[in-house]
Protein backbone atom coordinates (compact mmCIF):
# COMPACT_ATOMS: atom_id res chain seq x y z
CA MET A 1 -16.52 1.20 11.44
CA LYS A 2 -17.01 1.11 7.68
CA ARG A 3 -14.32 0.34 5.12
CA VAL A 4 -14.39 3.20 2.62
CA LEU A 5 -12.58 3.84 -0.66
CA VAL A 6 -12.21 7.45 -1.83
CA THR A 7 -10.92 8.17 -5.34
CA GLY A 8 -9.49 11.62 -5.96
CA ALA A 9 -8.50 11.52 -2.29
CA ALA A 10 -5.71 14.11 -2.55
CA GLY A 11 -7.88 16.72 -4.24
CA PHE A 12 -9.84 19.61 -2.79
CA LEU A 13 -13.06 17.74 -2.01
CA GLY A 14 -11.43 14.33 -1.64
CA SER A 15 -9.08 15.40 1.13
CA HIS A 16 -11.88 17.05 3.10
CA LEU A 17 -13.98 13.89 2.72
CA CYS A 18 -11.13 11.66 3.91
CA HIS A 19 -10.68 13.78 7.05
CA TYR A 20 -14.43 13.72 7.69
CA LEU A 21 -14.64 9.93 7.35
CA LEU A 22 -11.63 9.36 9.59
CA ALA A 23 -13.09 11.69 12.23
CA ALA A 24 -16.28 9.60 12.07
CA GLY A 25 -14.24 6.51 12.95
CA HIS A 26 -14.11 4.80 9.57
CA SER A 27 -11.23 3.06 7.81
CA VAL A 28 -10.26 4.81 4.55
CA VAL A 29 -8.19 3.91 1.50
CA GLY A 30 -7.53 6.87 -0.78
CA ILE A 31 -6.72 6.63 -4.48
CA ASP A 32 -5.21 9.44 -6.53
CA ASN A 33 -2.99 9.71 -9.62
CA PHE A 34 -1.90 13.24 -8.56
CA LEU A 35 -2.86 14.75 -11.89
CA THR A 36 -4.34 17.68 -9.98
CA GLY A 37 -4.32 16.36 -6.41
CA ASP A 38 -1.61 17.03 -3.83
CA ALA A 39 -0.77 14.63 -0.99
CA ALA A 40 -0.08 17.65 1.24
CA ASN A 41 -3.85 18.23 1.32
CA LEU A 42 -4.21 15.07 3.38
CA GLY A 43 -1.97 16.39 6.16
CA ASP A 44 -2.24 14.35 9.38
CA ALA A 45 -4.31 11.67 7.64
CA LEU A 46 -1.09 10.31 6.11
CA GLY A 47 0.06 9.23 9.56
CA GLU A 48 -3.30 7.78 10.61
CA ARG A 49 -3.31 3.98 10.99
CA ARG A 50 -6.84 3.78 9.54
CA PHE A 51 -5.76 5.54 6.33
CA ARG A 52 -3.78 4.31 3.33
CA LEU A 53 -2.98 6.23 0.15
CA VAL A 54 -2.66 4.43 -3.17
CA GLU A 55 -1.29 6.00 -6.35
CA HIS A 56 -3.42 4.81 -9.25
CA ASP A 57 -5.24 6.07 -12.35
CA ILE A 58 -8.85 4.84 -12.36
CA THR A 59 -8.91 4.70 -16.16
CA ARG A 60 -7.15 1.38 -15.46
CA PRO A 61 -8.98 -1.35 -13.50
CA VAL A 62 -8.77 -0.98 -9.73
CA GLN A 63 -7.10 -3.98 -8.09
CA LEU A 64 -7.25 -3.87 -4.31
CA SER A 65 -7.45 -7.02 -2.20
CA GLU A 66 -9.48 -5.67 0.73
CA ASP A 67 -13.24 -5.43 0.79
CA PHE A 68 -15.12 -2.13 0.97
CA ASP A 69 -18.55 -1.10 2.18
CA GLU A 70 -18.62 2.22 0.33
CA ILE A 71 -16.83 3.89 -2.57
CA TYR A 72 -16.86 7.65 -3.19
CA ASN A 73 -15.71 8.58 -6.70
CA LEU A 74 -14.32 12.12 -6.69
CA ALA A 75 -11.63 11.48 -9.30
CA CYS A 76 -11.74 14.02 -12.13
CA PRO A 77 -10.24 17.45 -12.85
CA ALA A 78 -13.05 19.85 -11.97
CA SER A 79 -11.89 23.30 -13.08
CA PRO A 80 -11.71 24.51 -16.71
CA ALA A 81 -8.04 25.37 -16.25
CA HIS A 82 -7.31 21.74 -15.43
CA TYR A 83 -9.68 19.67 -17.55
CA SER A 84 -8.98 21.70 -20.70
CA GLU A 85 -5.29 20.78 -20.51
CA ASP A 86 -6.11 17.20 -21.56
CA PRO A 87 -9.71 16.90 -22.80
CA HIS A 88 -9.28 13.28 -23.88
CA GLN A 89 -8.04 12.19 -20.46
CA THR A 90 -10.89 14.13 -18.81
CA VAL A 91 -13.47 12.17 -20.81
CA MET A 92 -11.71 8.87 -20.11
CA ILE A 93 -11.67 9.52 -16.35
CA SER A 94 -15.44 9.95 -16.40
CA VAL A 95 -16.23 7.09 -18.78
CA LEU A 96 -13.56 4.42 -18.30
CA GLY A 97 -13.02 5.40 -14.68
CA VAL A 98 -16.68 5.09 -13.73
CA SER A 99 -17.03 1.88 -15.74
CA ASN A 100 -14.09 0.38 -13.84
CA LEU A 101 -15.52 1.47 -10.50
CA ILE A 102 -18.95 0.01 -11.27
CA ARG A 103 -17.28 -3.37 -11.87
CA PHE A 104 -15.08 -3.00 -8.79
CA ALA A 105 -18.05 -2.06 -6.60
CA ALA A 106 -19.98 -5.08 -7.87
CA ASP A 107 -17.06 -7.38 -7.08
CA LYS A 108 -16.85 -5.97 -3.54
CA SER A 109 -20.63 -5.67 -3.00
CA ALA A 110 -19.99 -2.01 -2.19
CA ARG A 111 -22.21 1.04 -2.54
CA LEU A 112 -20.85 3.54 -5.10
CA LEU A 113 -21.37 7.32 -4.94
CA GLN A 114 -20.51 9.42 -7.97
CA ALA A 115 -19.52 13.07 -7.63
CA SER A 116 -21.33 14.47 -10.66
CA THR A 117 -21.69 18.17 -11.34
CA SER A 118 -24.07 21.03 -11.99
CA GLU A 119 -22.33 21.29 -15.38
CA VAL A 120 -24.62 18.51 -16.60
CA TYR A 121 -27.24 21.30 -16.86
CA GLY A 122 -24.98 23.32 -19.19
CA ASP A 123 -26.23 26.88 -19.73
CA PRO A 124 -29.62 26.13 -18.17
CA ILE A 125 -32.93 27.09 -19.72
CA VAL A 126 -34.80 26.19 -16.52
CA HIS A 127 -34.02 28.24 -13.41
CA PRO A 128 -33.35 27.24 -10.68
CA GLN A 129 -32.02 23.87 -11.76
CA HIS A 130 -34.04 20.85 -10.64
CA GLU A 131 -32.87 17.27 -11.05
CA ASP A 132 -35.54 16.65 -13.70
CA ASP A 133 -33.94 19.25 -16.00
CA CYS A 134 -32.28 17.46 -18.94
CA GLY A 135 -29.83 20.32 -19.48
CA ASN A 136 -28.66 22.54 -22.31
CA VAL A 137 -25.12 21.41 -23.11
CA ASN A 138 -22.94 22.14 -26.13
CA CYS A 139 -21.46 18.73 -26.96
CA THR A 140 -18.78 20.22 -29.25
CA GLY A 141 -17.63 23.16 -27.13
CA PRO A 142 -14.41 23.55 -25.10
CA ARG A 143 -16.17 22.52 -21.88
CA ALA A 144 -17.75 19.40 -23.40
CA CYS A 145 -14.96 17.08 -22.25
CA TYR A 146 -16.07 17.68 -18.66
CA ASP A 147 -19.79 18.33 -19.14
CA GLU A 148 -20.45 15.40 -21.46
CA GLY A 149 -18.02 13.13 -19.64
CA LYS A 150 -20.01 13.60 -16.45
CA ARG A 151 -23.31 13.15 -18.27
CA CYS A 152 -22.07 9.88 -19.78
CA ALA A 153 -20.89 8.74 -16.33
CA GLU A 154 -24.43 9.28 -15.03
CA THR A 155 -25.77 7.22 -17.95
CA LEU A 156 -23.51 4.32 -16.97
CA LEU A 157 -24.48 4.59 -13.31
CA PHE A 158 -28.24 4.71 -13.83
CA ASP A 159 -28.04 1.82 -16.29
CA ALA A 160 -26.18 -0.11 -13.57
CA ALA A 161 -28.82 0.90 -11.02
CA ARG A 162 -31.57 -0.50 -13.24
CA ARG A 163 -29.66 -3.79 -13.17
CA GLY A 164 -29.55 -3.77 -9.38
CA ALA A 165 -26.33 -1.90 -8.57
CA ASP A 166 -26.32 0.18 -5.38
CA VAL A 167 -25.32 3.64 -6.63
CA LYS A 168 -25.81 7.27 -5.62
CA VAL A 169 -25.33 10.35 -7.81
CA ALA A 170 -24.62 13.81 -6.37
CA ARG A 171 -24.74 16.84 -8.65
CA ILE A 172 -22.32 19.25 -7.02
CA PHE A 173 -22.70 22.99 -7.52
CA ASN A 174 -19.94 25.59 -7.02
CA THR A 175 -18.03 24.66 -3.88
CA TYR A 176 -15.22 26.63 -2.26
CA GLY A 177 -13.02 26.66 0.81
CA PRO A 178 -9.52 25.85 2.09
CA ARG A 179 -7.33 23.57 -0.06
CA MET A 180 -8.52 24.99 -3.35
CA GLN A 181 -5.54 25.52 -5.65
CA ALA A 182 -4.37 29.05 -6.29
CA SER A 183 -4.08 28.29 -10.02
CA ASP A 184 -7.27 26.31 -10.55
CA GLY A 185 -9.00 29.13 -12.42
CA ARG A 186 -12.19 29.01 -10.33
CA VAL A 187 -13.85 32.28 -9.54
CA VAL A 188 -13.47 32.21 -5.75
CA SER A 189 -9.80 31.23 -5.75
CA ASN A 190 -9.09 33.67 -8.59
CA PHE A 191 -10.66 36.58 -6.74
CA VAL A 192 -9.10 35.76 -3.39
CA VAL A 193 -5.59 35.33 -4.77
CA GLN A 194 -5.84 38.47 -6.91
CA ALA A 195 -7.15 40.50 -3.97
CA LEU A 196 -4.43 39.31 -1.61
CA GLN A 197 -1.74 40.01 -4.19
CA GLY A 198 -3.14 43.46 -4.91
CA LYS A 199 -3.87 42.57 -8.53
CA PRO A 200 -7.03 43.63 -10.39
CA LEU A 201 -9.86 41.14 -9.99
CA THR A 202 -10.79 39.66 -13.36
CA VAL A 203 -14.54 39.61 -14.01
CA HIS A 204 -15.68 38.01 -17.26
CA GLY A 205 -18.58 39.60 -19.10
CA ASP A 206 -20.33 42.36 -17.18
CA GLY A 207 -20.40 40.32 -13.96
CA SER A 208 -24.17 39.87 -13.98
CA GLN A 209 -23.89 36.11 -14.44
CA THR A 210 -24.75 34.29 -11.21
CA ARG A 211 -23.38 31.43 -9.17
CA SER A 212 -24.38 29.75 -5.91
CA PHE A 213 -21.47 29.09 -3.57
CA CYS A 214 -21.47 26.22 -1.08
CA TYR A 215 -18.80 26.01 1.62
CA VAL A 216 -16.85 22.76 1.50
CA ASP A 217 -17.78 21.56 5.01
CA ASP A 218 -21.47 21.73 4.13
CA LEU A 219 -20.93 19.88 0.87
CA ILE A 220 -19.08 17.02 2.57
CA VAL A 221 -21.99 16.52 4.98
CA GLY A 222 -24.31 16.34 1.97
CA LEU A 223 -22.19 13.65 0.31
CA PHE A 224 -22.08 11.64 3.53
CA ARG A 225 -25.85 11.83 3.98
CA LEU A 226 -26.47 10.81 0.38
CA MET A 227 -24.18 7.82 0.81
CA SER A 228 -26.14 6.90 3.96
CA SER A 229 -29.56 7.23 2.29
CA PRO A 230 -31.78 4.15 1.84
CA THR A 231 -30.98 1.47 -0.70
CA GLY A 232 -32.84 2.02 -3.95
CA PHE A 233 -32.57 5.80 -3.87
CA ALA A 234 -29.92 6.61 -6.48
CA GLY A 235 -30.74 10.27 -7.02
CA PRO A 236 -29.54 12.34 -8.70
CA VAL A 237 -29.45 14.91 -5.89
CA ASN A 238 -28.40 18.54 -6.22
CA LEU A 239 -25.93 19.56 -3.52
CA GLY A 240 -25.22 23.28 -3.40
CA ASN A 241 -26.25 26.59 -1.94
CA PRO A 242 -29.57 28.00 -3.23
CA ASP A 243 -28.46 31.57 -2.44
CA GLU A 244 -27.67 33.16 -5.81
CA VAL A 245 -24.87 35.74 -6.08
CA SER A 246 -23.68 37.71 -9.11
CA VAL A 247 -20.01 37.36 -10.00
CA LEU A 248 -19.56 41.12 -9.68
CA ASP A 249 -21.08 41.07 -6.19
CA LEU A 250 -18.71 38.25 -5.23
CA ALA A 251 -15.72 40.27 -6.44
CA GLU A 252 -16.76 43.25 -4.35
CA ARG A 253 -17.30 41.08 -1.26
CA VAL A 254 -13.89 39.43 -1.61
CA THR A 255 -12.05 42.75 -1.93
CA GLN A 256 -13.83 44.06 1.15
CA LEU A 257 -13.24 40.96 3.29
CA ALA A 258 -9.60 40.69 2.18
CA GLY A 259 -9.00 44.34 3.01
CA SER A 260 -7.87 44.91 -0.56
CA ARG A 261 -7.99 48.04 -2.69
CA ALA A 262 -7.63 46.07 -5.91
CA ASP A 263 -9.52 47.27 -8.95
CA ILE A 264 -11.94 45.19 -10.99
CA VAL A 265 -11.28 44.65 -14.69
CA PHE A 266 -13.72 43.19 -17.21
CA LYS A 267 -12.83 40.64 -19.88
CA PRO A 268 -14.87 38.76 -22.50
CA LEU A 269 -17.09 35.94 -21.29
CA PRO A 270 -15.61 32.46 -22.01
CA VAL A 271 -17.35 30.21 -24.52
CA ASP A 272 -20.31 28.28 -23.02
CA ASP A 273 -19.93 29.99 -19.64
CA PRO A 274 -23.33 29.51 -17.90
CA ARG A 275 -25.30 32.72 -17.39
CA ARG A 276 -27.10 31.49 -14.28
CA ARG A 277 -26.45 28.75 -11.78
CA ARG A 278 -28.68 28.01 -8.78
CA PRO A 279 -29.71 24.62 -7.42
CA ASP A 280 -33.17 23.59 -6.41
CA ILE A 281 -32.30 21.54 -3.29
CA SER A 282 -35.83 20.41 -2.46
CA ARG A 283 -34.84 16.78 -2.99
CA ALA A 284 -31.83 17.09 -0.67
CA ARG A 285 -33.98 18.73 1.99
CA GLU A 286 -36.69 16.07 1.76
CA ARG A 287 -34.60 12.92 1.29
CA LEU A 288 -31.40 13.81 3.17
CA ASP A 289 -32.57 16.47 5.64
CA TRP A 290 -29.69 18.55 4.26
CA ARG A 291 -29.11 22.19 3.50
CA PRO A 292 -25.97 24.36 3.64
CA VAL A 293 -25.56 26.30 6.88
CA THR A 294 -22.33 28.30 6.40
CA PRO A 295 -22.93 31.98 5.48
CA LEU A 296 -20.98 33.19 2.44
CA GLU A 297 -19.06 35.76 4.50
CA THR A 298 -17.96 33.11 7.02
CA GLY A 299 -16.79 30.76 4.30
CA LEU A 300 -14.99 33.51 2.39
CA LEU A 301 -13.15 34.63 5.53
CA ALA A 302 -11.92 31.06 6.13
CA THR A 303 -10.87 30.76 2.49
CA ILE A 304 -9.06 34.10 2.54
CA ALA A 305 -7.23 33.10 5.72
CA TYR A 306 -6.14 29.85 4.06
CA PHE A 307 -4.78 31.56 0.96
CA ARG A 308 -3.11 34.23 3.05
CA ARG A 309 -1.10 31.47 4.73
CA GLU A 310 -0.44 29.65 1.46
CA LEU A 311 0.74 32.74 -0.38
CA GLY A 312 3.35 33.26 2.32
CA LEU A 313 5.16 30.33 0.67
CA ALA A 314 6.46 30.05 -2.88
CA TYR A 315 3.86 28.40 -5.09
CA VAL A 316 5.04 25.04 -6.42
CA PRO A 317 3.54 23.95 -9.77
CA ALA A 318 1.77 20.59 -9.83
CA LYS A 319 4.53 18.81 -11.77
CA SER A 320 7.17 19.95 -9.26
CA ARG A 321 5.35 19.11 -6.05
CA LYS A 322 6.89 17.03 -3.34
CA PRO A 323 6.14 13.33 -3.94
CA VAL A 324 3.93 11.30 -1.66
CA PRO A 325 5.84 10.04 1.42
CA ALA A 326 7.10 6.51 0.75
CA GLU A 327 5.52 5.11 3.91
CA ALA A 328 2.07 6.30 2.77
CA ARG A 329 2.38 5.37 -0.86
CA GLN A 330 1.59 2.21 -2.76
CA VAL A 331 1.82 1.97 -6.53
CA VAL A 332 -0.78 -0.21 -8.22
CA ALA A 333 0.25 -1.54 -11.61
């Protein structure tokens, strides 16, 4: 049994990771400041004796008395709708947060895995994107708070690795599945919610821009295998689905699978929106023996079923959500 710390534990990916680690028999402490996370995502984990949830903002030093073997850092708003609400805080989470976790990991002699992003490639010139690609990022654009924040976090981590720190860096491509937020502004959740509500599906541009969609269960396995990879291998490693799909094709698939007759409407393409996105996962295949196995249709059906259940209830905005149960909550000053 390993002792594992997960930051961003109440978020989309964080909650799935916590459940996976608990199912594998590990002891887990989750950290979240609930900026975008929701304790309800953790479900039965909140009553599990091997799980503890701590409310804390990682832009402040982490002060936990227990030792840890591994730390997964998933703390950061990951959708444009969320990170654009407070660009300064988004940058600080990536820079101060990662800096604090590097120090904390060193104090605990723990391995640290960073959830980086395909956005470090920006609007890529090289296609598909390989880890050696230095990227094409607009450092002054509206997405820069996230893109450049994550790039700077990688700089800190690889500098630490050169000094002997045990770190891993995963570059996560578009991931979808249950527990996404209905209002997160991501293309899969947007399309599914619009289709289920009978509203027109909003496609930006002409829909020819492409994405590669990885189901959340596959992504979590990739993170776990990267964390378990040999010491000295820091990455970065692309984790995503190499099957490329146009946004318009995705919209048509969602309407069909949801049994919707919703129309498709076209709106201007957002600033710095990448035209193509597809990972080269050769490194993940070779070093982690990993590739996604969930077909897009299977994953979309599971996601549609989740949102169909969720939309049966009134949507509660983030600031009005039910607080974390007192017995599962600890506030760190």
